[in-house]
Amino acid sequence: MTSIAAACALLDALATRRDPARLTDLATATGRAKSSTLRLLTSLVQGGLLSRDGDGRFSPGPLVTRLAALRHSWGELARRLRPELMRLVRQTRETASFAVRDGATRLLLVLVPSPESVRDHLEEGTRLPLRKGAAGEVLLAFGADRPRGALAEVRARGWAATFGARDPHLAAVAIPLFDSAGRLLGALTVSGPISRVTPDRVPSLVSALRSSRDRLARDLDR
């Protein structure tokens, strides 16, 4: 078992308990020696994933709390976004999605597929290259203080459109979504086959996306 797998096993064992666990409890639960278990637990404490009290008992650390809060926040955002993405799909007949930046990738947090048999086939939770596709361009352009070149143009006009950037058969149009404080939340996108999402259709798709963003802005402010 790798160190990462062993650490995950320890965290999973702790997650099944309702109270802090002692070293012996976790070593028994995972079937590992106390010495190697203690080394892993110490590393997890140093990384913020676990905390250790004065009696030597282990419980979830501050990083776990922050990750849980982030998951709840993303889950609530996804719940509020989904009806609007469904409206976009009905209006455009193309796949609608919302992506957030996750390091060097973009994470599809919410996705509603097109009803057409030929469509952009992706799933929620998929990670895609940040530098390929309209959503990635939006996240880069509006996530930077001073974007340059093509990204500066994306920021100036307020949207991005790409044709065959991620897949030679697909095209996409994306705009940014902000919170009430003006912070970038992610990118709203409509994507589909390059034969349907054509350059002459971009203005109407941008308009549909902006209408969705306006409705979402009102909803997210409540």
Protein backbone atom coordinates (compact mmCIF):
# COMPACT_ATOMS: atom_id res chain seq x y z
CA MET A 1 0.00 0.00 0.00
CA THR A 2 1.38 3.45 -0.92
CA SER A 3 1.74 6.18 1.67
CA ILE A 4 -1.14 8.10 0.09
CA ALA A 5 -3.39 5.05 0.13
CA ALA A 6 -2.44 4.35 3.74
CA ALA A 7 -3.16 7.96 4.71
CA CYS A 8 -6.56 7.75 2.99
CA ALA A 9 -7.29 4.55 4.90
CA LEU A 10 -6.53 6.33 8.17
CA LEU A 11 -8.78 9.25 7.27
CA ASP A 12 -11.54 6.84 6.27
CA ALA A 13 -11.20 4.99 9.55
CA LEU A 14 -11.46 8.26 11.45
CA ALA A 15 -14.52 9.29 9.40
CA THR A 16 -16.45 6.28 10.69
CA ARG A 17 -16.10 7.47 14.29
CA ARG A 18 -18.11 10.07 16.16
CA ASP A 19 -15.32 10.95 18.57
CA PRO A 20 -11.56 11.52 18.39
CA ALA A 21 -9.48 8.35 17.95
CA ARG A 22 -6.36 7.14 19.70
CA LEU A 23 -3.31 5.79 17.90
CA THR A 24 -4.22 2.24 18.94
CA ASP A 25 -7.74 2.59 17.55
CA LEU A 26 -6.51 3.71 14.14
CA ALA A 27 -3.72 1.16 13.94
CA THR A 28 -6.19 -1.62 14.72
CA ALA A 29 -8.77 -0.30 12.27
CA THR A 30 -6.27 -0.19 9.39
CA GLY A 31 -4.24 -3.25 10.31
CA ARG A 32 -0.97 -1.35 10.42
CA ALA A 33 1.82 -1.30 12.98
CA LYS A 34 1.57 1.46 15.57
CA SER A 35 4.98 2.86 14.60
CA SER A 36 4.14 3.34 10.91
CA THR A 37 0.64 4.55 11.80
CA LEU A 38 2.09 7.20 14.09
CA ARG A 39 4.44 8.44 11.35
CA LEU A 40 1.54 8.83 8.96
CA LEU A 41 -0.64 10.49 11.56
CA THR A 42 2.14 12.94 12.39
CA SER A 43 2.47 13.87 8.71
CA LEU A 44 -1.30 14.36 8.46
CA VAL A 45 -1.25 16.63 11.50
CA GLN A 46 1.60 18.67 10.02
CA GLY A 47 -0.35 18.99 6.77
CA GLY A 48 -3.47 20.23 8.54
CA LEU A 49 -5.60 17.20 7.67
CA LEU A 50 -5.69 16.05 11.30
CA SER A 51 -5.48 17.65 14.72
CA ARG A 52 -4.12 16.06 17.90
CA ASP A 53 -5.37 17.04 21.33
CA GLY A 54 -3.54 17.01 24.65
CA ASP A 55 -4.59 13.42 25.32
CA GLY A 56 -3.04 12.23 22.06
CA ARG A 57 -6.36 11.68 20.28
CA PHE A 58 -6.78 12.51 16.59
CA SER A 59 -9.65 14.36 14.91
CA PRO A 60 -10.22 16.14 11.55
CA GLY A 61 -7.93 19.12 11.10
CA PRO A 62 -8.47 22.66 9.79
CA LEU A 63 -7.74 21.72 6.18
CA VAL A 64 -10.51 19.11 6.24
CA THR A 65 -12.89 21.73 7.60
CA ARG A 66 -11.97 24.14 4.83
CA LEU A 67 -12.35 21.44 2.18
CA ALA A 68 -15.74 20.47 3.59
CA ALA A 69 -16.85 24.11 3.50
CA LEU A 70 -15.64 24.41 -0.09
CA ARG A 71 -17.52 21.27 -1.08
CA HIS A 72 -20.68 22.59 0.54
CA SER A 73 -20.23 25.94 -1.20
CA TRP A 74 -19.72 24.30 -4.59
CA GLY A 75 -22.65 21.96 -3.95
CA GLU A 76 -24.95 24.86 -3.15
CA LEU A 77 -23.73 26.79 -6.18
CA ALA A 78 -24.34 23.76 -8.40
CA ARG A 79 -27.87 23.39 -7.04
CA ARG A 80 -28.69 26.99 -7.91
CA LEU A 81 -27.02 26.85 -11.31
CA ARG A 82 -28.67 23.70 -12.63
CA PRO A 83 -32.14 25.14 -13.40
CA GLU A 84 -30.58 27.95 -15.40
CA LEU A 85 -28.37 25.56 -17.35
CA MET A 86 -31.46 23.50 -18.14
CA ARG A 87 -33.08 26.67 -19.48
CA LEU A 88 -30.01 27.31 -21.64
CA VAL A 89 -30.21 23.80 -23.08
CA ARG A 90 -33.89 24.23 -23.93
CA GLN A 91 -33.12 27.53 -25.61
CA THR A 92 -29.98 26.56 -27.53
CA ARG A 93 -30.34 22.77 -27.91
CA GLU A 94 -26.66 22.51 -27.00
CA THR A 95 -24.81 21.27 -23.90
CA ALA A 96 -24.60 23.87 -21.13
CA SER A 97 -22.02 23.74 -18.35
CA PHE A 98 -20.33 25.67 -15.57
CA ALA A 99 -16.61 25.24 -14.92
CA VAL A 100 -14.32 26.46 -12.17
CA ARG A 101 -10.57 26.68 -12.13
CA ASP A 102 -8.81 23.88 -10.28
CA GLY A 103 -5.08 24.50 -10.44
CA ALA A 104 -3.89 23.95 -14.01
CA THR A 105 -7.22 22.44 -15.06
CA ARG A 106 -10.87 23.40 -15.22
CA LEU A 107 -13.43 21.34 -13.37
CA LEU A 108 -16.91 20.83 -14.81
CA LEU A 109 -18.93 21.49 -11.70
CA VAL A 110 -22.36 21.36 -13.38
CA LEU A 111 -23.33 20.07 -16.80
CA VAL A 112 -26.66 19.59 -18.57
CA PRO A 113 -26.34 17.65 -21.85
CA SER A 114 -27.92 18.58 -25.14
CA PRO A 115 -30.99 16.53 -26.12
CA GLU A 116 -29.46 16.01 -29.56
CA SER A 117 -27.90 12.63 -30.35
CA VAL A 118 -24.78 14.37 -31.70
CA ARG A 119 -23.50 16.53 -28.87
CA ASP A 120 -20.59 17.36 -26.60
CA HIS A 121 -20.30 14.20 -24.50
CA LEU A 122 -18.85 15.16 -21.11
CA GLU A 123 -19.72 14.39 -17.51
CA GLU A 124 -19.84 16.42 -14.33
CA GLY A 125 -16.60 16.19 -12.39
CA THR A 126 -14.48 15.96 -15.55
CA ARG A 127 -11.23 17.93 -15.52
CA LEU A 128 -10.12 19.48 -18.78
CA PRO A 129 -7.05 21.45 -19.87
CA LEU A 130 -7.23 25.06 -18.75
CA ARG A 131 -5.62 26.36 -21.94
CA LYS A 132 -7.87 24.57 -24.43
CA GLY A 133 -11.44 25.73 -24.90
CA ALA A 134 -13.61 28.78 -24.40
CA ALA A 135 -14.25 28.16 -20.70
CA GLY A 136 -10.52 27.93 -20.04
CA GLU A 137 -9.90 31.20 -21.88
CA VAL A 138 -12.55 32.91 -19.77
CA LEU A 139 -11.13 31.56 -16.52
CA LEU A 140 -7.64 32.71 -17.50
CA ALA A 141 -8.70 36.09 -18.88
CA PHE A 142 -10.88 37.10 -15.95
CA GLY A 143 -8.81 35.37 -13.28
CA ALA A 144 -5.68 37.38 -14.08
CA ASP A 145 -4.97 40.97 -13.06
CA ARG A 146 -3.54 41.92 -16.45
CA PRO A 147 -4.17 39.36 -19.17
CA ARG A 148 -2.16 39.76 -22.35
CA GLY A 149 -2.61 39.07 -26.03
CA ALA A 150 -5.65 37.00 -26.96
CA LEU A 151 -6.72 36.75 -23.32
CA ALA A 152 -6.78 40.54 -23.07
CA GLU A 153 -9.13 40.56 -26.07
CA VAL A 154 -11.38 37.99 -24.38
CA ARG A 155 -11.57 40.17 -21.31
CA ALA A 156 -12.26 43.31 -23.32
CA ARG A 157 -15.20 41.83 -25.24
CA GLY A 158 -16.51 39.79 -22.29
CA TRP A 159 -16.71 36.34 -23.89
CA ALA A 160 -14.69 33.64 -25.62
CA ALA A 161 -15.49 31.38 -28.56
CA THR A 162 -13.32 28.50 -29.74
CA PHE A 163 -13.64 26.11 -32.66
CA GLY A 164 -11.82 22.81 -32.46
CA ALA A 165 -9.55 23.93 -29.60
CA ARG A 166 -10.12 20.94 -27.33
CA ASP A 167 -11.65 18.57 -29.87
CA PRO A 168 -11.55 19.15 -33.65
CA HIS A 169 -15.26 18.35 -33.87
CA LEU A 170 -16.47 20.68 -31.12
CA ALA A 171 -16.96 24.41 -30.57
CA ALA A 172 -17.88 26.42 -27.49
CA VAL A 173 -18.88 29.88 -26.33
CA ALA A 174 -18.29 31.00 -22.73
CA ILE A 175 -18.73 34.02 -20.47
CA PRO A 176 -17.65 34.70 -16.86
CA LEU A 177 -19.94 34.47 -13.84
CA PHE A 178 -19.18 36.75 -10.87
CA ASP A 179 -20.47 36.92 -7.32
CA SER A 180 -22.01 40.06 -5.81
CA ALA A 181 -18.54 41.28 -4.78
CA GLY A 182 -17.23 41.03 -8.33
CA ARG A 183 -15.15 37.91 -7.72
CA LEU A 184 -14.94 35.38 -10.54
CA LEU A 185 -16.93 32.25 -9.73
CA GLY A 186 -16.40 30.38 -12.98
CA ALA A 187 -17.34 30.16 -16.64
CA LEU A 188 -20.78 29.56 -18.14
CA THR A 189 -20.48 27.66 -21.42
CA VAL A 190 -22.56 26.40 -24.31
CA SER A 191 -20.84 23.76 -26.44
CA GLY A 192 -21.68 21.47 -29.31
CA PRO A 193 -20.63 20.10 -32.69
CA ILE A 194 -18.67 22.52 -34.80
CA SER A 195 -21.26 22.01 -37.53
CA ARG A 196 -23.95 23.58 -35.30
CA VAL A 197 -21.99 25.98 -33.09
CA THR A 198 -20.78 28.11 -35.99
CA PRO A 199 -19.25 31.62 -35.98
CA ASP A 200 -22.47 33.21 -37.22
CA ARG A 201 -24.32 31.70 -34.25
CA VAL A 202 -21.93 33.14 -31.65
CA PRO A 203 -23.83 36.43 -31.09
CA SER A 204 -27.10 34.65 -30.25
CA LEU A 205 -25.31 32.21 -27.94
CA VAL A 206 -23.52 35.07 -26.16
CA SER A 207 -26.88 36.79 -25.73
CA ALA A 208 -28.43 33.62 -24.26
CA LEU A 209 -25.50 33.19 -21.89
CA ARG A 210 -25.69 36.81 -20.74
CA SER A 211 -29.41 36.51 -20.06
CA SER A 212 -28.70 33.44 -17.95
CA ARG A 213 -25.93 35.27 -16.12
CA ASP A 214 -28.25 38.19 -15.35
CA ARG A 215 -30.87 35.87 -13.90
CA LEU A 216 -28.23 34.02 -11.88
CA ALA A 217 -26.81 37.28 -10.55
CA ARG A 218 -30.22 38.20 -9.17
CA ASP A 219 -30.68 34.74 -7.68
CA LEU A 220 -27.19 34.51 -6.14
CA ASP A 221 -27.64 37.90 -4.47
CA ARG A 222 -30.58 36.59 -2.45
